[in-house]
Amino acid sequence: MDNILTKCFFDNEKFNHTLTEAFEFIINSQQSRLAKLISKHLDEKLKSKHINGPDIEKSFDEVMKLFRFLDSKLSFEIYYKSDMSKRLLSSKSFSKESEMLLLMKLRTGKII
């Protein structure tokens, strides 16, 4: 989206603001559903054995971009904590380092 804004609209500030507002509206119109989908996506990533350190960090960074738009972070926190506890109790987490990395990103992003 940033590439389109730069190349087509020459970083027009007004257009960027309108685009951001529209995206926020769409994201938050079904915020509980989005929070659940993001939590499930992260759960699958953390269970996957086919993803390495740099790839998982990139994936986490991409997900974090959505959080700046999500108003209901509490909904995400509820879903994420439930998924995390199930994952850790059943020993399905592939990497404790990845778990810690995500928690660090969530905390610095003031999500949890």
N, C-alpha and C. Protein backbone atom coordinates (compact mmCIF):
# COMPACT_ATOMS: atom_id res chain seq x y z
N MET A 1 0.83 -1.18 0.00
CA MET A 1 0.00 0.00 0.00
C MET A 1 0.88 1.25 0.00
N ASP A 2 1.99 1.20 0.75
CA ASP A 2 2.90 2.35 0.78
C ASP A 2 3.50 2.62 -0.59
N ASN A 3 3.77 1.55 -1.33
CA ASN A 3 4.34 1.69 -2.67
C ASN A 3 3.36 2.40 -3.60
N ILE A 4 2.09 2.04 -3.52
CA ILE A 4 1.06 2.68 -4.35
C ILE A 4 0.95 4.15 -3.98
N LEU A 5 0.95 4.43 -2.69
CA LEU A 5 0.86 5.82 -2.22
C LEU A 5 2.02 6.65 -2.75
N THR A 6 3.21 6.11 -2.71
CA THR A 6 4.39 6.84 -3.15
C THR A 6 4.41 7.05 -4.65
N LYS A 7 4.17 5.98 -5.40
CA LYS A 7 4.30 6.06 -6.86
C LYS A 7 3.11 6.73 -7.54
N CYS A 8 1.92 6.46 -7.07
CA CYS A 8 0.73 6.98 -7.76
C CYS A 8 0.25 8.32 -7.22
N PHE A 9 0.42 8.52 -5.93
CA PHE A 9 -0.13 9.73 -5.32
C PHE A 9 0.94 10.65 -4.76
N PHE A 10 2.19 10.34 -5.06
CA PHE A 10 3.32 11.20 -4.70
C PHE A 10 3.31 11.59 -3.23
N ASP A 11 3.01 10.62 -2.38
CA ASP A 11 2.97 10.83 -0.92
C ASP A 11 2.05 11.97 -0.50
N ASN A 12 0.94 12.11 -1.19
CA ASN A 12 -0.03 13.15 -0.86
C ASN A 12 -0.54 12.92 0.56
N GLU A 13 -0.31 13.88 1.44
CA GLU A 13 -0.64 13.74 2.85
C GLU A 13 -2.14 13.58 3.09
N LYS A 14 -2.94 14.33 2.37
CA LYS A 14 -4.39 14.26 2.54
C LYS A 14 -4.92 12.89 2.10
N PHE A 15 -4.42 12.40 0.97
CA PHE A 15 -4.83 11.09 0.50
C PHE A 15 -4.38 10.01 1.48
N ASN A 16 -3.19 10.12 1.99
CA ASN A 16 -2.66 9.16 2.95
C ASN A 16 -3.54 9.13 4.21
N HIS A 17 -3.93 10.28 4.69
CA HIS A 17 -4.79 10.36 5.88
C HIS A 17 -6.15 9.71 5.61
N THR A 18 -6.74 9.99 4.47
CA THR A 18 -8.04 9.41 4.11
C THR A 18 -7.93 7.90 3.96
N LEU A 19 -6.87 7.44 3.33
CA LEU A 19 -6.65 6.01 3.15
C LEU A 19 -6.49 5.31 4.51
N THR A 20 -5.75 5.92 5.40
CA THR A 20 -5.55 5.36 6.74
C THR A 20 -6.87 5.29 7.50
N GLU A 21 -7.66 6.34 7.44
CA GLU A 21 -8.96 6.34 8.11
C GLU A 21 -9.88 5.25 7.55
N ALA A 22 -9.89 5.10 6.24
CA ALA A 22 -10.72 4.07 5.61
C ALA A 22 -10.28 2.67 6.04
N PHE A 23 -8.97 2.46 6.08
CA PHE A 23 -8.45 1.16 6.49
C PHE A 23 -8.80 0.88 7.95
N GLU A 24 -8.67 1.88 8.81
CA GLU A 24 -9.04 1.73 10.22
C GLU A 24 -10.52 1.38 10.36
N PHE A 25 -11.36 2.03 9.59
CA PHE A 25 -12.80 1.76 9.64
C PHE A 25 -13.09 0.31 9.26
N ILE A 26 -12.47 -0.16 8.19
CA ILE A 26 -12.68 -1.53 7.73
C ILE A 26 -12.18 -2.53 8.77
N ILE A 27 -10.98 -2.30 9.28
CA ILE A 27 -10.39 -3.19 10.28
C ILE A 27 -11.28 -3.28 11.52
N ASN A 28 -11.76 -2.15 11.98
CA ASN A 28 -12.49 -2.11 13.25
C ASN A 28 -13.98 -2.40 13.11
N SER A 29 -14.47 -2.55 11.89
CA SER A 29 -15.89 -2.89 11.74
C SER A 29 -16.16 -4.31 12.21
N GLN A 30 -15.15 -5.16 12.17
CA GLN A 30 -15.27 -6.54 12.67
C GLN A 30 -14.06 -6.86 13.53
N GLN A 31 -13.78 -6.00 14.49
CA GLN A 31 -12.55 -6.10 15.24
C GLN A 31 -12.41 -7.40 16.04
N SER A 32 -13.49 -7.92 16.60
CA SER A 32 -13.38 -9.16 17.36
C SER A 32 -12.98 -10.32 16.44
N ARG A 33 -13.57 -10.34 15.27
CA ARG A 33 -13.24 -11.40 14.30
C ARG A 33 -11.79 -11.28 13.85
N LEU A 34 -11.35 -10.06 13.57
CA LEU A 34 -9.97 -9.85 13.15
C LEU A 34 -9.00 -10.23 14.27
N ALA A 35 -9.32 -9.87 15.50
CA ALA A 35 -8.47 -10.22 16.63
C ALA A 35 -8.31 -11.74 16.73
N LYS A 36 -9.40 -12.46 16.53
CA LYS A 36 -9.35 -13.92 16.59
C LYS A 36 -8.52 -14.48 15.43
N LEU A 37 -8.71 -13.95 14.23
CA LEU A 37 -7.95 -14.43 13.07
C LEU A 37 -6.45 -14.17 13.22
N ILE A 38 -6.10 -13.02 13.74
CA ILE A 38 -4.68 -12.71 13.95
C ILE A 38 -4.09 -13.66 14.99
N SER A 39 -4.82 -13.90 16.06
CA SER A 39 -4.35 -14.81 17.09
C SER A 39 -4.15 -16.22 16.53
N LYS A 40 -5.09 -16.68 15.72
CA LYS A 40 -4.97 -18.01 15.11
C LYS A 40 -3.79 -18.07 14.14
N HIS A 41 -3.58 -17.00 13.39
CA HIS A 41 -2.45 -16.94 12.46
C HIS A 41 -1.13 -17.05 13.24
N LEU A 42 -1.01 -16.29 14.31
CA LEU A 42 0.21 -16.36 15.13
C LEU A 42 0.37 -17.74 15.76
N ASP A 43 -0.72 -18.33 16.18
CA ASP A 43 -0.68 -19.67 16.76
C ASP A 43 -0.12 -20.68 15.75
N GLU A 44 -0.60 -20.61 14.53
CA GLU A 44 -0.09 -21.52 13.48
C GLU A 44 1.39 -21.28 13.19
N LYS A 45 1.80 -20.02 13.16
CA LYS A 45 3.21 -19.70 12.92
C LYS A 45 4.08 -20.26 14.03
N LEU A 46 3.62 -20.14 15.26
CA LEU A 46 4.42 -20.60 16.39
C LEU A 46 4.44 -22.12 16.52
N LYS A 47 3.51 -22.80 15.90
CA LYS A 47 3.50 -24.26 15.88
C LYS A 47 4.30 -24.82 14.71
N SER A 48 4.55 -24.02 13.71
CA SER A 48 5.17 -24.48 12.47
C SER A 48 6.65 -24.80 12.65
N LYS A 49 7.05 -25.93 12.10
CA LYS A 49 8.46 -26.33 12.11
C LYS A 49 9.16 -25.90 10.83
N HIS A 50 8.41 -25.33 9.90
CA HIS A 50 8.95 -25.00 8.58
C HIS A 50 9.31 -23.53 8.45
N ILE A 51 9.45 -22.85 9.54
CA ILE A 51 9.77 -21.43 9.47
C ILE A 51 10.95 -21.16 10.39
N ASN A 52 11.92 -20.39 9.90
CA ASN A 52 13.13 -20.14 10.69
C ASN A 52 13.10 -18.75 11.32
N GLY A 53 14.15 -18.40 12.04
CA GLY A 53 14.23 -17.15 12.79
C GLY A 53 13.91 -15.90 12.01
N PRO A 54 14.65 -15.60 10.93
CA PRO A 54 14.37 -14.36 10.19
C PRO A 54 12.96 -14.34 9.57
N ASP A 55 12.49 -15.49 9.11
CA ASP A 55 11.16 -15.55 8.51
C ASP A 55 10.06 -15.32 9.54
N ILE A 56 10.23 -15.89 10.72
CA ILE A 56 9.19 -15.71 11.74
C ILE A 56 9.20 -14.28 12.25
N GLU A 57 10.38 -13.68 12.36
CA GLU A 57 10.43 -12.29 12.80
C GLU A 57 9.77 -11.37 11.78
N LYS A 58 10.01 -11.65 10.50
CA LYS A 58 9.37 -10.87 9.44
C LYS A 58 7.84 -11.03 9.50
N SER A 59 7.41 -12.25 9.74
CA SER A 59 5.97 -12.53 9.85
C SER A 59 5.37 -11.78 11.04
N PHE A 60 6.07 -11.78 12.17
CA PHE A 60 5.60 -11.04 13.34
C PHE A 60 5.52 -9.54 13.04
N ASP A 61 6.53 -9.02 12.35
CA ASP A 61 6.53 -7.59 12.02
C ASP A 61 5.35 -7.22 11.13
N GLU A 62 5.02 -8.10 10.19
CA GLU A 62 3.87 -7.84 9.31
C GLU A 62 2.57 -7.83 10.11
N VAL A 63 2.44 -8.76 11.04
CA VAL A 63 1.23 -8.81 11.87
C VAL A 63 1.14 -7.56 12.75
N MET A 64 2.28 -7.12 13.27
CA MET A 64 2.30 -5.94 14.14
C MET A 64 1.79 -4.70 13.42
N LYS A 65 1.96 -4.66 12.11
CA LYS A 65 1.47 -3.51 11.34
C LYS A 65 -0.05 -3.38 11.45
N LEU A 66 -0.73 -4.51 11.57
CA LEU A 66 -2.19 -4.47 11.72
C LEU A 66 -2.61 -3.92 13.08
N PHE A 67 -1.78 -4.16 14.09
CA PHE A 67 -2.15 -3.75 15.43
C PHE A 67 -2.28 -2.25 15.61
N ARG A 68 -1.56 -1.51 14.83
CA ARG A 68 -1.69 -0.06 14.99
C ARG A 68 -3.09 0.40 14.59
N PHE A 69 -3.80 -0.41 13.84
CA PHE A 69 -5.16 -0.06 13.41
C PHE A 69 -6.24 -0.68 14.29
N LEU A 70 -5.93 -1.75 14.97
CA LEU A 70 -6.92 -2.49 15.76
C LEU A 70 -7.24 -1.75 17.06
N ASP A 71 -8.50 -1.37 17.23
CA ASP A 71 -8.92 -0.67 18.45
C ASP A 71 -9.09 -1.62 19.63
N SER A 72 -9.62 -2.79 19.38
CA SER A 72 -9.93 -3.72 20.47
C SER A 72 -8.77 -4.68 20.72
N LYS A 73 -7.75 -4.17 21.35
CA LYS A 73 -6.59 -5.01 21.66
C LYS A 73 -6.92 -6.01 22.77
N LEU A 74 -7.90 -5.68 23.59
CA LEU A 74 -8.32 -6.59 24.65
C LEU A 74 -8.88 -7.89 24.06
N SER A 75 -9.64 -7.81 22.99
CA SER A 75 -10.16 -9.02 22.33
C SER A 75 -9.01 -9.89 21.86
N PHE A 76 -8.01 -9.27 21.24
CA PHE A 76 -6.85 -10.03 20.79
C PHE A 76 -6.15 -10.68 21.98
N GLU A 77 -5.98 -9.92 23.05
CA GLU A 77 -5.28 -10.45 24.22
C GLU A 77 -5.97 -11.69 24.77
N ILE A 78 -7.28 -11.68 24.81
CA ILE A 78 -8.05 -12.83 25.30
C ILE A 78 -7.82 -14.04 24.41
N TYR A 79 -7.96 -13.86 23.10
CA TYR A 79 -7.74 -14.98 22.16
C TYR A 79 -6.30 -15.47 22.21
N TYR A 80 -5.36 -14.53 22.22
CA TYR A 80 -3.94 -14.91 22.19
C TYR A 80 -3.55 -15.68 23.46
N LYS A 81 -3.97 -15.21 24.62
CA LYS A 81 -3.62 -15.90 25.86
C LYS A 81 -4.21 -17.31 25.89
N SER A 82 -5.40 -17.47 25.37
CA SER A 82 -6.01 -18.79 25.31
C SER A 82 -5.21 -19.71 24.38
N ASP A 83 -4.88 -19.21 23.20
CA ASP A 83 -4.10 -20.01 22.25
C ASP A 83 -2.71 -20.33 22.80
N MET A 84 -2.09 -19.34 23.43
CA MET A 84 -0.74 -19.54 23.96
C MET A 84 -0.75 -20.60 25.07
N SER A 85 -1.71 -20.53 25.97
CA SER A 85 -1.75 -21.51 27.06
C SER A 85 -1.97 -22.92 26.51
N LYS A 86 -2.85 -23.07 25.53
CA LYS A 86 -3.07 -24.39 24.92
C LYS A 86 -1.80 -24.88 24.24
N ARG A 87 -1.14 -23.99 23.52
CA ARG A 87 0.08 -24.34 22.79
C ARG A 87 1.19 -24.76 23.75
N LEU A 88 1.38 -24.02 24.81
CA LEU A 88 2.46 -24.32 25.75
C LEU A 88 2.15 -25.55 26.60
N LEU A 89 0.91 -25.70 27.04
CA LEU A 89 0.54 -26.85 27.86
C LEU A 89 0.59 -28.16 27.07
N SER A 90 0.32 -28.10 25.79
CA SER A 90 0.36 -29.32 24.97
C SER A 90 1.71 -29.51 24.29
N SER A 91 2.67 -28.65 24.62
CA SER A 91 4.04 -28.72 24.06
C SER A 91 4.04 -28.69 22.54
N LYS A 92 3.18 -27.88 21.96
CA LYS A 92 3.12 -27.77 20.50
C LYS A 92 3.89 -26.58 19.97
N SER A 93 4.46 -25.80 20.86
CA SER A 93 5.25 -24.65 20.42
C SER A 93 6.57 -25.16 19.88
N PHE A 94 6.93 -24.72 18.68
CA PHE A 94 8.16 -25.19 18.06
C PHE A 94 9.39 -24.55 18.68
N SER A 95 9.30 -23.30 19.09
CA SER A 95 10.48 -22.59 19.57
C SER A 95 10.13 -21.63 20.71
N LYS A 96 10.77 -21.84 21.83
CA LYS A 96 10.56 -20.92 22.96
C LYS A 96 11.12 -19.54 22.64
N GLU A 97 12.16 -19.50 21.82
CA GLU A 97 12.74 -18.21 21.42
C GLU A 97 11.73 -17.40 20.60
N SER A 98 11.00 -18.07 19.73
CA SER A 98 9.97 -17.39 18.93
C SER A 98 8.84 -16.89 19.82
N GLU A 99 8.47 -17.69 20.81
CA GLU A 99 7.44 -17.27 21.76
C GLU A 99 7.88 -16.00 22.49
N MET A 100 9.12 -16.00 22.95
CA MET A 100 9.64 -14.83 23.68
C MET A 100 9.75 -13.61 22.77
N LEU A 101 10.17 -13.83 21.53
CA LEU A 101 10.28 -12.73 20.57
C LEU A 101 8.92 -12.08 20.34
N LEU A 102 7.91 -12.90 20.14
CA LEU A 102 6.57 -12.35 19.92
C LEU A 102 6.07 -11.60 21.15
N LEU A 103 6.28 -12.17 22.33
CA LEU A 103 5.85 -11.48 23.55
C LEU A 103 6.55 -10.13 23.70
N MET A 104 7.83 -10.10 23.36
CA MET A 104 8.57 -8.84 23.42
C MET A 104 7.97 -7.82 22.45
N LYS A 105 7.67 -8.26 21.24
CA LYS A 105 7.09 -7.36 20.25
C LYS A 105 5.71 -6.87 20.69
N LEU A 106 4.93 -7.75 21.27
CA LEU A 106 3.60 -7.37 21.75
C LEU A 106 3.70 -6.37 22.90
N ARG A 107 4.64 -6.60 23.80
CA ARG A 107 4.80 -5.68 24.93
C ARG A 107 5.30 -4.32 24.49
N THR A 108 6.28 -4.29 23.60
CA THR A 108 6.80 -2.99 23.16
C THR A 108 5.78 -2.26 22.30
N GLY A 109 4.88 -3.02 21.67
CA GLY A 109 3.80 -2.41 20.90
C GLY A 109 2.62 -2.06 21.78
N LYS A 110 2.78 -2.26 23.09
CA LYS A 110 1.75 -1.94 24.09
C LYS A 110 0.44 -2.67 23.81
N ILE A 111 0.56 -3.93 23.40
CA ILE A 111 -0.63 -4.71 23.11
C ILE A 111 -0.99 -5.57 24.31
N ILE A 112 0.01 -6.20 24.91
CA ILE A 112 -0.24 -7.02 26.11
C ILE A 112 0.48 -6.38 27.27
